[in-house]
């Protein structure tokens, strides 16, 4: 599902206009992005948690030349699925 499809589905389920649904989705994305930039964690109960993971500096290799290179430390966004989402995606089988 692409962002446009998500917005269309959101508009349909909430009976919002397409423009209002677009604003709502974009606002949610902006809020999560701003909080992650600050180093905060954003948790949505039952869905999951967005956080920032730190990657340490390390050595690597240029795949084209095989030359050793230094890879700088960095931060990356991380998502951990909540229990409800995990259960929905991977339901347990009844015996």
PDB file of N, CA and C in Angstrom:
ATOM      1  N   UNK A   1       0.852  -1.178   0.000  1.00  0.00           N
ATOM      2  CA  UNK A   1       0.000   0.000   0.000  1.00  0.00           C
ATOM      3  C   UNK A   1       0.894   1.236   0.000  1.00  0.00           C
ATOM      4  N   UNK A   2       0.588   2.124  -0.900  1.00  0.00           N
ATOM      5  CA  UNK A   2       1.314   3.380  -0.990  1.00  0.00           C
ATOM      6  C   UNK A   2       0.582   4.453  -0.183  1.00  0.00           C
ATOM      7  N   UNK A   3       1.261   5.581   0.018  1.00  0.00           N
ATOM      8  CA  UNK A   3       0.693   6.654   0.836  1.00  0.00           C
ATOM      9  C   UNK A   3      -0.659   7.127   0.297  1.00  0.00           C
ATOM     10  N   UNK A   4      -0.788   7.292  -1.005  1.00  0.00           N
ATOM     11  CA  UNK A   4      -2.056   7.729  -1.600  1.00  0.00           C
ATOM     12  C   UNK A   4      -3.184   6.747  -1.334  1.00  0.00           C
ATOM     13  N   UNK A   5      -2.860   5.458  -1.379  1.00  0.00           N
ATOM     14  CA  UNK A   5      -3.860   4.432  -1.099  1.00  0.00           C
ATOM     15  C   UNK A   5      -4.260   4.468   0.380  1.00  0.00           C
ATOM     16  N   UNK A   6      -3.279   4.700   1.255  1.00  0.00           N
ATOM     17  CA  UNK A   6      -3.563   4.821   2.687  1.00  0.00           C
ATOM     18  C   UNK A   6      -4.496   6.000   2.944  1.00  0.00           C
ATOM     19  N   UNK A   7      -4.219   7.124   2.319  1.00  0.00           N
ATOM     20  CA  UNK A   7      -5.050   8.313   2.494  1.00  0.00           C
ATOM     21  C   UNK A   7      -6.474   8.051   1.996  1.00  0.00           C
ATOM     22  N   UNK A   8      -6.601   7.403   0.847  1.00  0.00           N
ATOM     23  CA  UNK A   8      -7.922   7.096   0.297  1.00  0.00           C
ATOM     24  C   UNK A   8      -8.699   6.159   1.234  1.00  0.00           C
ATOM     25  N   UNK A   9      -8.035   5.162   1.780  1.00  0.00           N
ATOM     26  CA  UNK A   9      -8.691   4.231   2.702  1.00  0.00           C
ATOM     27  C   UNK A   9      -9.077   4.943   3.998  1.00  0.00           C
ATOM     28  N   UNK A  10      -8.199   5.810   4.482  1.00  0.00           N
ATOM     29  CA  UNK A  10      -8.472   6.589   5.693  1.00  0.00           C
ATOM     30  C   UNK A  10      -9.709   7.463   5.479  1.00  0.00           C
ATOM     31  N   UNK A  11      -9.767   8.127   4.320  1.00  0.00           N
ATOM     32  CA  UNK A  11     -10.917   8.994   4.004  1.00  0.00           C
ATOM     33  C   UNK A  11     -12.206   8.177   3.954  1.00  0.00           C
ATOM     34  N   UNK A  12     -12.139   7.011   3.345  1.00  0.00           N
ATOM     35  CA  UNK A  12     -13.319   6.149   3.209  1.00  0.00           C
ATOM     36  C   UNK A  12     -13.819   5.681   4.573  1.00  0.00           C
ATOM     37  N   UNK A  13     -12.914   5.206   5.418  1.00  0.00           N
ATOM     38  CA  UNK A  13     -13.315   4.650   6.715  1.00  0.00           C
ATOM     39  C   UNK A  13     -13.792   5.710   7.704  1.00  0.00           C
ATOM     40  N   UNK A  14     -13.257   6.919   7.595  1.00  0.00           N
ATOM     41  CA  UNK A  14     -13.639   7.975   8.540  1.00  0.00           C
ATOM     42  C   UNK A  14     -14.685   8.916   7.966  1.00  0.00           C
ATOM     43  N   UNK A  15     -15.036   8.710   6.691  1.00  0.00           N
ATOM     44  CA  UNK A  15     -15.979   9.581   5.986  1.00  0.00           C
ATOM     45  C   UNK A  15     -15.496  11.030   5.959  1.00  0.00           C
ATOM     46  N   UNK A  16     -14.180  11.196   5.899  1.00  0.00           N
ATOM     47  CA  UNK A  16     -13.561  12.525   5.754  1.00  0.00           C
ATOM     48  C   UNK A  16     -13.392  12.802   4.266  1.00  0.00           C
ATOM     49  N   UNK A  17     -13.190  14.063   3.952  1.00  0.00           N
ATOM     50  CA  UNK A  17     -12.846  14.393   2.572  1.00  0.00           C
ATOM     51  C   UNK A  17     -11.412  13.912   2.324  1.00  0.00           C
ATOM     52  N   UNK A  18     -11.072  13.760   1.070  1.00  0.00           N
ATOM     53  CA  UNK A  18      -9.714  13.346   0.723  1.00  0.00           C
ATOM     54  C   UNK A  18      -8.676  14.336   1.237  1.00  0.00           C
ATOM     55  N   UNK A  19      -8.995  15.619   1.149  1.00  0.00           N
ATOM     56  CA  UNK A  19      -8.059  16.649   1.609  1.00  0.00           C
ATOM     57  C   UNK A  19      -7.861  16.576   3.120  1.00  0.00           C
ATOM     58  N   UNK A  20      -8.946  16.359   3.862  1.00  0.00           N
ATOM     59  CA  UNK A  20      -8.842  16.264   5.324  1.00  0.00           C
ATOM     60  C   UNK A  20      -8.064  15.010   5.717  1.00  0.00           C
ATOM     61  N   UNK A  21      -8.303  13.908   5.025  1.00  0.00           N
ATOM     62  CA  UNK A  21      -7.576  12.671   5.309  1.00  0.00           C
ATOM     63  C   UNK A  21      -6.098  12.847   4.999  1.00  0.00           C
ATOM     64  N   UNK A  22      -5.800  13.522   3.902  1.00  0.00           N
ATOM     65  CA  UNK A  22      -4.410  13.811   3.535  1.00  0.00           C
ATOM     66  C   UNK A  22      -3.733  14.627   4.631  1.00  0.00           C
ATOM     67  N   UNK A  23      -4.415  15.656   5.122  1.00  0.00           N
ATOM     68  CA  UNK A  23      -3.871  16.488   6.196  1.00  0.00           C
ATOM     69  C   UNK A  23      -3.633  15.667   7.462  1.00  0.00           C
ATOM     70  N   UNK A  24      -4.571  14.778   7.797  1.00  0.00           N
ATOM     71  CA  UNK A  24      -4.453  13.961   9.002  1.00  0.00           C
ATOM     72  C   UNK A  24      -3.253  13.022   8.920  1.00  0.00           C
ATOM     73  N   UNK A  25      -3.107  12.346   7.793  1.00  0.00           N
ATOM     74  CA  UNK A  25      -1.989  11.411   7.618  1.00  0.00           C
ATOM     75  C   UNK A  25      -0.660  12.171   7.631  1.00  0.00           C
ATOM     76  N   UNK A  26      -0.602  13.286   6.904  1.00  0.00           N
ATOM     77  CA  UNK A  26       0.635  14.081   6.869  1.00  0.00           C
ATOM     78  C   UNK A  26       0.983  14.641   8.241  1.00  0.00           C
ATOM     79  N   UNK A  27      -0.021  15.019   9.017  1.00  0.00           N
ATOM     80  CA  UNK A  27       0.214  15.529  10.367  1.00  0.00           C
ATOM     81  C   UNK A  27       0.776  14.437  11.264  1.00  0.00           C
ATOM     82  N   UNK A  28       0.223  13.231  11.182  1.00  0.00           N
ATOM     83  CA  UNK A  28       0.742  12.115  11.968  1.00  0.00           C
ATOM     84  C   UNK A  28       2.205  11.844  11.626  1.00  0.00           C
ATOM     85  N   UNK A  29       2.515  11.806  10.337  1.00  0.00           N
ATOM     86  CA  UNK A  29       3.894  11.569   9.906  1.00  0.00           C
ATOM     87  C   UNK A  29       4.811  12.674  10.404  1.00  0.00           C
ATOM     88  N   UNK A  30       4.365  13.920  10.324  1.00  0.00           N
ATOM     89  CA  UNK A  30       5.172  15.058  10.771  1.00  0.00           C
ATOM     90  C   UNK A  30       5.440  14.990  12.275  1.00  0.00           C
ATOM     91  N   UNK A  31       4.427  14.622  13.057  1.00  0.00           N
ATOM     92  CA  UNK A  31       4.589  14.537  14.514  1.00  0.00           C
ATOM     93  C   UNK A  31       5.590  13.450  14.877  1.00  0.00           C
ATOM     94  N   UNK A  32       5.454  12.279  14.266  1.00  0.00           N
ATOM     95  CA  UNK A  32       6.379  11.177  14.551  1.00  0.00           C
ATOM     96  C   UNK A  32       7.800  11.584  14.156  1.00  0.00           C
ATOM     97  N   UNK A  33       7.956  12.191  12.994  1.00  0.00           N
ATOM     98  CA  UNK A  33       9.271  12.626  12.513  1.00  0.00           C
ATOM     99  C   UNK A  33       9.897  13.645  13.457  1.00  0.00           C
ATOM    100  N   UNK A  34       9.139  14.642  13.878  1.00  0.00           N
ATOM    101  CA  UNK A  34       9.654  15.670  14.782  1.00  0.00           C
ATOM    102  C   UNK A  34      10.106  15.070  16.112  1.00  0.00           C
ATOM    103  N   UNK A  35       9.313  14.163  16.647  1.00  0.00           N
ATOM    104  CA  UNK A  35       9.662  13.535  17.929  1.00  0.00           C
ATOM    105  C   UNK A  35      10.915  12.683  17.803  1.00  0.00           C
ATOM    106  N   UNK A  36      11.036  11.954  16.705  1.00  0.00           N
ATOM    107  CA  UNK A  36      12.228  11.131  16.507  1.00  0.00           C
ATOM    108  C   UNK A  36      13.474  12.001  16.329  1.00  0.00           C
ATOM    109  N   UNK A  37      13.336  13.144  15.655  1.00  0.00           N
ATOM    110  CA  UNK A  37      14.456  14.081  15.506  1.00  0.00           C
ATOM    111  C   UNK A  37      14.961  14.540  16.868  1.00  0.00           C
ATOM    112  N   UNK A  38      14.042  14.714  17.821  1.00  0.00           N
ATOM    113  CA  UNK A  38      14.402  15.143  19.169  1.00  0.00           C
ATOM    114  C   UNK A  38      14.970  13.993  19.997  1.00  0.00           C
ATOM    115  N   UNK A  39      14.895  12.764  19.475  1.00  0.00           N
ATOM    116  CA  UNK A  39      15.381  11.609  20.200  1.00  0.00           C
ATOM    117  C   UNK A  39      14.332  10.940  21.065  1.00  0.00           C
ATOM    118  N   UNK A  40      13.086  11.387  20.936  1.00  0.00           N
ATOM    119  CA  UNK A  40      11.984  10.806  21.703  1.00  0.00           C
ATOM    120  C   UNK A  40      11.544   9.471  21.101  1.00  0.00           C
ATOM    121  N   UNK A  41      10.737   8.767  21.847  1.00  0.00           N
ATOM    122  CA  UNK A  41      10.101   7.529  21.399  1.00  0.00           C
ATOM    123  C   UNK A  41       8.613   7.800  21.262  1.00  0.00           C
ATOM    124  N   UNK A  42       7.998   7.263  20.215  1.00  0.00           N
ATOM    125  CA  UNK A  42       6.565   7.427  19.994  1.00  0.00           C
ATOM    126  C   UNK A  42       5.924   6.043  20.044  1.00  0.00           C
ATOM    127  N   UNK A  43       5.081   5.822  21.041  1.00  0.00           N
ATOM    128  CA  UNK A  43       4.415   4.538  21.198  1.00  0.00           C
ATOM    129  C   UNK A  43       2.931   4.663  20.932  1.00  0.00           C
ATOM    130  N   UNK A  44       2.406   3.756  20.136  1.00  0.00           N
ATOM    131  CA  UNK A  44       0.972   3.689  19.864  1.00  0.00           C
ATOM    132  C   UNK A  44       0.524   2.329  20.384  1.00  0.00           C
ATOM    133  N   UNK A  45      -0.166   2.333  21.498  1.00  0.00           N
ATOM    134  CA  UNK A  45      -0.562   1.104  22.167  1.00  0.00           C
ATOM    135  C   UNK A  45      -1.265   0.150  21.206  1.00  0.00           C
ATOM    136  N   UNK A  46      -0.803  -1.083  21.203  1.00  0.00           N
ATOM    137  CA  UNK A  46      -1.374  -2.107  20.349  1.00  0.00           C
ATOM    138  C   UNK A  46      -0.816  -2.123  18.943  1.00  0.00           C
ATOM    139  N   UNK A  47      -0.213  -1.029  18.504  1.00  0.00           N
ATOM    140  CA  UNK A  47       0.340  -0.950  17.150  1.00  0.00           C
ATOM    141  C   UNK A  47       1.846  -1.143  17.171  1.00  0.00           C
ATOM    142  N   UNK A  48       2.545  -0.270  17.905  1.00  0.00           N
ATOM    143  CA  UNK A  48       3.994  -0.401  17.972  1.00  0.00           C
ATOM    144  C   UNK A  48       4.665   0.854  18.482  1.00  0.00           C
ATOM    145  N   UNK A  49       5.992   0.818  18.460  1.00  0.00           N
ATOM    146  CA  UNK A  49       6.798   1.916  18.976  1.00  0.00           C
ATOM    147  C   UNK A  49       7.829   2.338  17.946  1.00  0.00           C
ATOM    148  N   UNK A  50       7.868   3.635  17.697  1.00  0.00           N
ATOM    149  CA  UNK A  50       8.893   4.228  16.839  1.00  0.00           C
ATOM    150  C   UNK A  50       9.977   4.775  17.754  1.00  0.00           C
ATOM    151  N   UNK A  51      11.235   4.507  17.435  1.00  0.00           N
ATOM    152  CA  UNK A  51      12.339   5.014  18.243  1.00  0.00           C
ATOM    153  C   UNK A  51      13.538   5.273  17.337  1.00  0.00           C
ATOM    154  N   UNK A  52      14.613   5.772  17.935  1.00  0.00           N
ATOM    155  CA  UNK A  52      15.849   6.037  17.207  1.00  0.00           C
ATOM    156  C   UNK A  52      16.916   5.088  17.733  1.00  0.00           C
ATOM    157  N   UNK A  53      17.544   4.362  16.827  1.00  0.00           N
ATOM    158  CA  UNK A  53      18.638   3.458  17.193  1.00  0.00           C
ATOM    159  C   UNK A  53      19.953   4.096  16.770  1.00  0.00           C
ATOM    160  N   UNK A  54      20.974   3.897  17.582  1.00  0.00           N
ATOM    161  CA  UNK A  54      22.301   4.429  17.262  1.00  0.00           C
ATOM    162  C   UNK A  54      23.159   3.328  16.660  1.00  0.00           C
ATOM    163  N   UNK A  55      23.831   3.655  15.575  1.00  0.00           N
ATOM    164  CA  UNK A  55      24.773   2.739  14.939  1.00  0.00           C
ATOM    165  C   UNK A  55      26.180   3.240  15.224  1.00  0.00           C
ATOM    166  N   UNK A  56      27.006   2.393  15.750  1.00  0.00           N
ATOM    167  CA  UNK A  56      28.383   2.765  16.065  1.00  0.00           C
ATOM    168  C   UNK A  56      29.198   2.880  14.778  1.00  0.00           C
ATOM    169  N   UNK A  57      30.270   3.639  14.851  1.00  0.00           N
ATOM    170  CA  UNK A  57      31.198   3.719  13.726  1.00  0.00           C
ATOM    171  C   UNK A  57      31.811   2.335  13.529  1.00  0.00           C
ATOM    172  N   UNK A  58      32.080   2.006  12.276  1.00  0.00           N
ATOM    173  CA  UNK A  58      32.642   0.686  12.006  1.00  0.00           C
ATOM    174  C   UNK A  58      33.454   0.712  10.721  1.00  0.00           C
ATOM    175  N   UNK A  59      34.174  -0.368  10.494  1.00  0.00           N
ATOM    176  CA  UNK A  59      34.942  -0.511   9.267  1.00  0.00           C
ATOM    177  C   UNK A  59      34.121  -1.318   8.276  1.00  0.00           C
ATOM    178  N   UNK A  60      34.255  -0.986   7.016  1.00  0.00           N
ATOM    179  CA  UNK A  60      33.555  -1.713   5.969  1.00  0.00           C
ATOM    180  C   UNK A  60      34.448  -1.850   4.753  1.00  0.00           C
ATOM    181  N   UNK A  61      33.898  -2.368   3.697  1.00  0.00           N
ATOM    182  CA  UNK A  61      34.639  -2.531   2.448  1.00  0.00           C
ATOM    183  C   UNK A  61      33.818  -1.986   1.292  1.00  0.00           C
ATOM    184  N   UNK A  62      34.501  -1.289   0.381  1.00  0.00           N
ATOM    185  CA  UNK A  62      33.867  -0.839  -0.843  1.00  0.00           C
ATOM    186  C   UNK A  62      33.649  -2.090  -1.690  1.00  0.00           C
ATOM    187  N   UNK A  63      32.391  -2.442  -2.012  1.00  0.00           N
ATOM    188  CA  UNK A  63      32.156  -3.682  -2.749  1.00  0.00           C
ATOM    189  C   UNK A  63      32.749  -3.688  -4.154  1.00  0.00           C
ATOM    190  N   UNK A  64      32.929  -2.523  -4.741  1.00  0.00           N
ATOM    191  CA  UNK A  64      33.469  -2.452  -6.100  1.00  0.00           C
ATOM    192  C   UNK A  64      34.977  -2.679  -6.132  1.00  0.00           C
ATOM    193  N   UNK A  65      35.673  -2.133  -5.124  1.00  0.00           N
ATOM    194  CA  UNK A  65      37.140  -2.195  -5.144  1.00  0.00           C
ATOM    195  C   UNK A  65      37.727  -3.081  -4.060  1.00  0.00           C
ATOM    196  N   UNK A  66      36.949  -3.387  -3.052  1.00  0.00           N
ATOM    197  CA  UNK A  66      37.462  -4.172  -1.932  1.00  0.00           C
ATOM    198  C   UNK A  66      38.262  -3.334  -0.940  1.00  0.00           C
ATOM    199  N   UNK A  67      38.371  -2.033  -1.202  1.00  0.00           N
ATOM    200  CA  UNK A  67      39.132  -1.126  -0.340  1.00  0.00           C
ATOM    201  C   UNK A  67      38.432  -0.956   1.007  1.00  0.00           C
ATOM    202  N   UNK A  68      39.229  -0.952   2.099  1.00  0.00           N
ATOM    203  CA  UNK A  68      38.680  -0.735   3.441  1.00  0.00           C
ATOM    204  C   UNK A  68      38.238   0.718   3.568  1.00  0.00           C
ATOM    205  N   UNK A  69      37.070   0.925   4.173  1.00  0.00           N
ATOM    206  CA  UNK A  69      36.560   2.281   4.393  1.00  0.00           C
ATOM    207  C   UNK A  69      36.043   2.397   5.813  1.00  0.00           C
ATOM    208  N   UNK A  70      35.968   3.633   6.298  1.00  0.00           N
ATOM    209  CA  UNK A  70      35.398   3.903   7.613  1.00  0.00           C
ATOM    210  C   UNK A  70      33.958   4.340   7.414  1.00  0.00           C
ATOM    211  N   UNK A  71      33.056   3.721   8.164  1.00  0.00           N
ATOM    212  CA  UNK A  71      31.642   4.095   8.125  1.00  0.00           C
ATOM    213  C   UNK A  71      31.357   4.855   9.414  1.00  0.00           C
ATOM    214  N   UNK A  72      30.908   6.087   9.280  1.00  0.00           N
ATOM    215  CA  UNK A  72      30.676   6.956  10.442  1.00  0.00           C
ATOM    216  C   UNK A  72      29.497   6.464  11.281  1.00  0.00           C
ATOM    217  N   UNK A  73      29.516   6.840  12.549  1.00  0.00           N
ATOM    218  CA  UNK A  73      28.388   6.551  13.438  1.00  0.00           C
ATOM    219  C   UNK A  73      27.160   7.293  12.906  1.00  0.00           C
ATOM    220  N   UNK A  74      25.979   6.718  13.126  1.00  0.00           N
ATOM    221  CA  UNK A  74      24.758   7.356  12.644  1.00  0.00           C
ATOM    222  C   UNK A  74      23.567   6.939  13.505  1.00  0.00           C
ATOM    223  N   UNK A  75      22.456   7.592  13.247  1.00  0.00           N
ATOM    224  CA  UNK A  75      21.200   7.247  13.902  1.00  0.00           C
ATOM    225  C   UNK A  75      20.253   6.767  12.819  1.00  0.00           C
ATOM    226  N   UNK A  76      19.359   5.856  13.177  1.00  0.00           N
ATOM    227  CA  UNK A  76      18.390   5.351  12.225  1.00  0.00           C
ATOM    228  C   UNK A  76      17.038   5.146  12.901  1.00  0.00           C
ATOM    229  N   UNK A  77      15.936   5.407  12.197  1.00  0.00           N
ATOM    230  CA  UNK A  77      14.630   5.156  12.800  1.00  0.00           C
ATOM    231  C   UNK A  77      14.392   3.651  12.935  1.00  0.00           C
ATOM    232  N   UNK A  78      13.667   3.294  13.974  1.00  0.00           N
ATOM    233  CA  UNK A  78      13.399   1.888  14.267  1.00  0.00           C
ATOM    234  C   UNK A  78      11.921   1.756  14.622  1.00  0.00           C
ATOM    235  N   UNK A  79      11.315   0.640  14.223  1.00  0.00           N
ATOM    236  CA  UNK A  79       9.924   0.369  14.575  1.00  0.00           C
ATOM    237  C   UNK A  79       9.853  -1.012  15.194  1.00  0.00           C
ATOM    238  N   UNK A  80       9.220  -1.103  16.354  1.00  0.00           N
ATOM    239  CA  UNK A  80       8.985  -2.380  17.014  1.00  0.00           C
ATOM    240  C   UNK A  80       7.478  -2.600  17.071  1.00  0.00           C
ATOM    241  N   UNK A  81       7.025  -3.668  16.469  1.00  0.00           N
ATOM    242  CA  UNK A  81       5.595  -3.957  16.431  1.00  0.00           C
ATOM    243  C   UNK A  81       5.077  -4.318  17.818  1.00  0.00           C
ATOM    244  N   UNK A  82       3.865  -3.861  18.127  1.00  0.00           N
ATOM    245  CA  UNK A  82       3.218  -4.182  19.395  1.00  0.00           C
ATOM    246  C   UNK A  82       2.574  -5.565  19.338  1.00  0.00           C
ATOM    247  N   UNK A  83       2.183  -6.057  20.487  1.00  0.00           N
ATOM    248  CA  UNK A  83       1.621  -7.402  20.598  1.00  0.00           C
ATOM    249  C   UNK A  83       0.359  -7.576  19.760  1.00  0.00           C
ATOM    250  N   UNK A  84      -0.511  -6.584  19.738  1.00  0.00           N
ATOM    251  CA  UNK A  84      -1.755  -6.691  18.974  1.00  0.00           C
ATOM    252  C   UNK A  84      -1.474  -6.786  17.480  1.00  0.00           C
ATOM    253  N   UNK A  85      -0.544  -5.988  16.987  1.00  0.00           N
ATOM    254  CA  UNK A  85      -0.180  -6.024  15.575  1.00  0.00           C
ATOM    255  C   UNK A  85       0.472  -7.361  15.229  1.00  0.00           C
ATOM    256  N   UNK A  86       1.365  -7.831  16.080  1.00  0.00           N
ATOM    257  CA  UNK A  86       2.017  -9.124  15.849  1.00  0.00           C
ATOM    258  C   UNK A  86       0.994 -10.246  15.779  1.00  0.00           C
ATOM    259  N   UNK A  87       0.026 -10.223  16.694  1.00  0.00           N
ATOM    260  CA  UNK A  87      -1.007 -11.259  16.722  1.00  0.00           C
ATOM    261  C   UNK A  87      -1.895 -11.203  15.476  1.00  0.00           C
ATOM    262  N   UNK A  88      -2.161 -10.007  14.972  1.00  0.00           N
ATOM    263  CA  UNK A  88      -2.998  -9.862  13.785  1.00  0.00           C
ATOM    264  C   UNK A  88      -2.288 -10.391  12.538  1.00  0.00           C
ATOM    265  N   UNK A  89      -0.988 -10.174  12.474  1.00  0.00           N
ATOM    266  CA  UNK A  89      -0.207 -10.604  11.314  1.00  0.00           C
ATOM    267  C   UNK A  89       0.104 -12.096  11.372  1.00  0.00           C
ATOM    268  N   UNK A  90       0.292 -12.604  12.564  1.00  0.00           N
ATOM    269  CA  UNK A  90       0.700 -13.990  12.739  1.00  0.00           C
ATOM    270  C   UNK A  90      -0.208 -14.670  13.773  1.00  0.00           C
ATOM    271  N   UNK A  91      -1.471 -14.909  13.422  1.00  0.00           N
ATOM    272  CA  UNK A  91      -2.397 -15.486  14.405  1.00  0.00           C
ATOM    273  C   UNK A  91      -1.977 -16.893  14.825  1.00  0.00           C
ATOM    274  N   UNK A  92      -2.246 -17.206  16.062  1.00  0.00           N
ATOM    275  CA  UNK A  92      -1.910 -18.546  16.567  1.00  0.00           C
ATOM    276  C   UNK A  92      -2.951 -19.527  16.091  1.00  0.00           C
ATOM    277  N   UNK A  93      -2.516 -20.744  15.894  1.00  0.00           N
ATOM    278  CA  UNK A  93      -3.429 -21.807  15.443  1.00  0.00           C
ATOM    279  C   UNK A  93      -4.039 -22.463  16.641  1.00  0.00           C
ATOM    280  N   UNK A  94      -5.332 -22.713  16.575  1.00  0.00           N
ATOM    281  CA  UNK A  94      -6.004 -23.423  17.665  1.00  0.00           C
ATOM    282  C   UNK A  94      -5.811 -24.917  17.470  1.00  0.00           C
ATOM    283  N   UNK A  95      -5.593 -25.591  18.571  1.00  0.00           N
ATOM    284  CA  UNK A  95      -5.381 -27.041  18.499  1.00  0.00           C
ATOM    285  C   UNK A  95      -6.648 -27.788  18.735  1.00  0.00           C
TER     286      UNK A  95
END
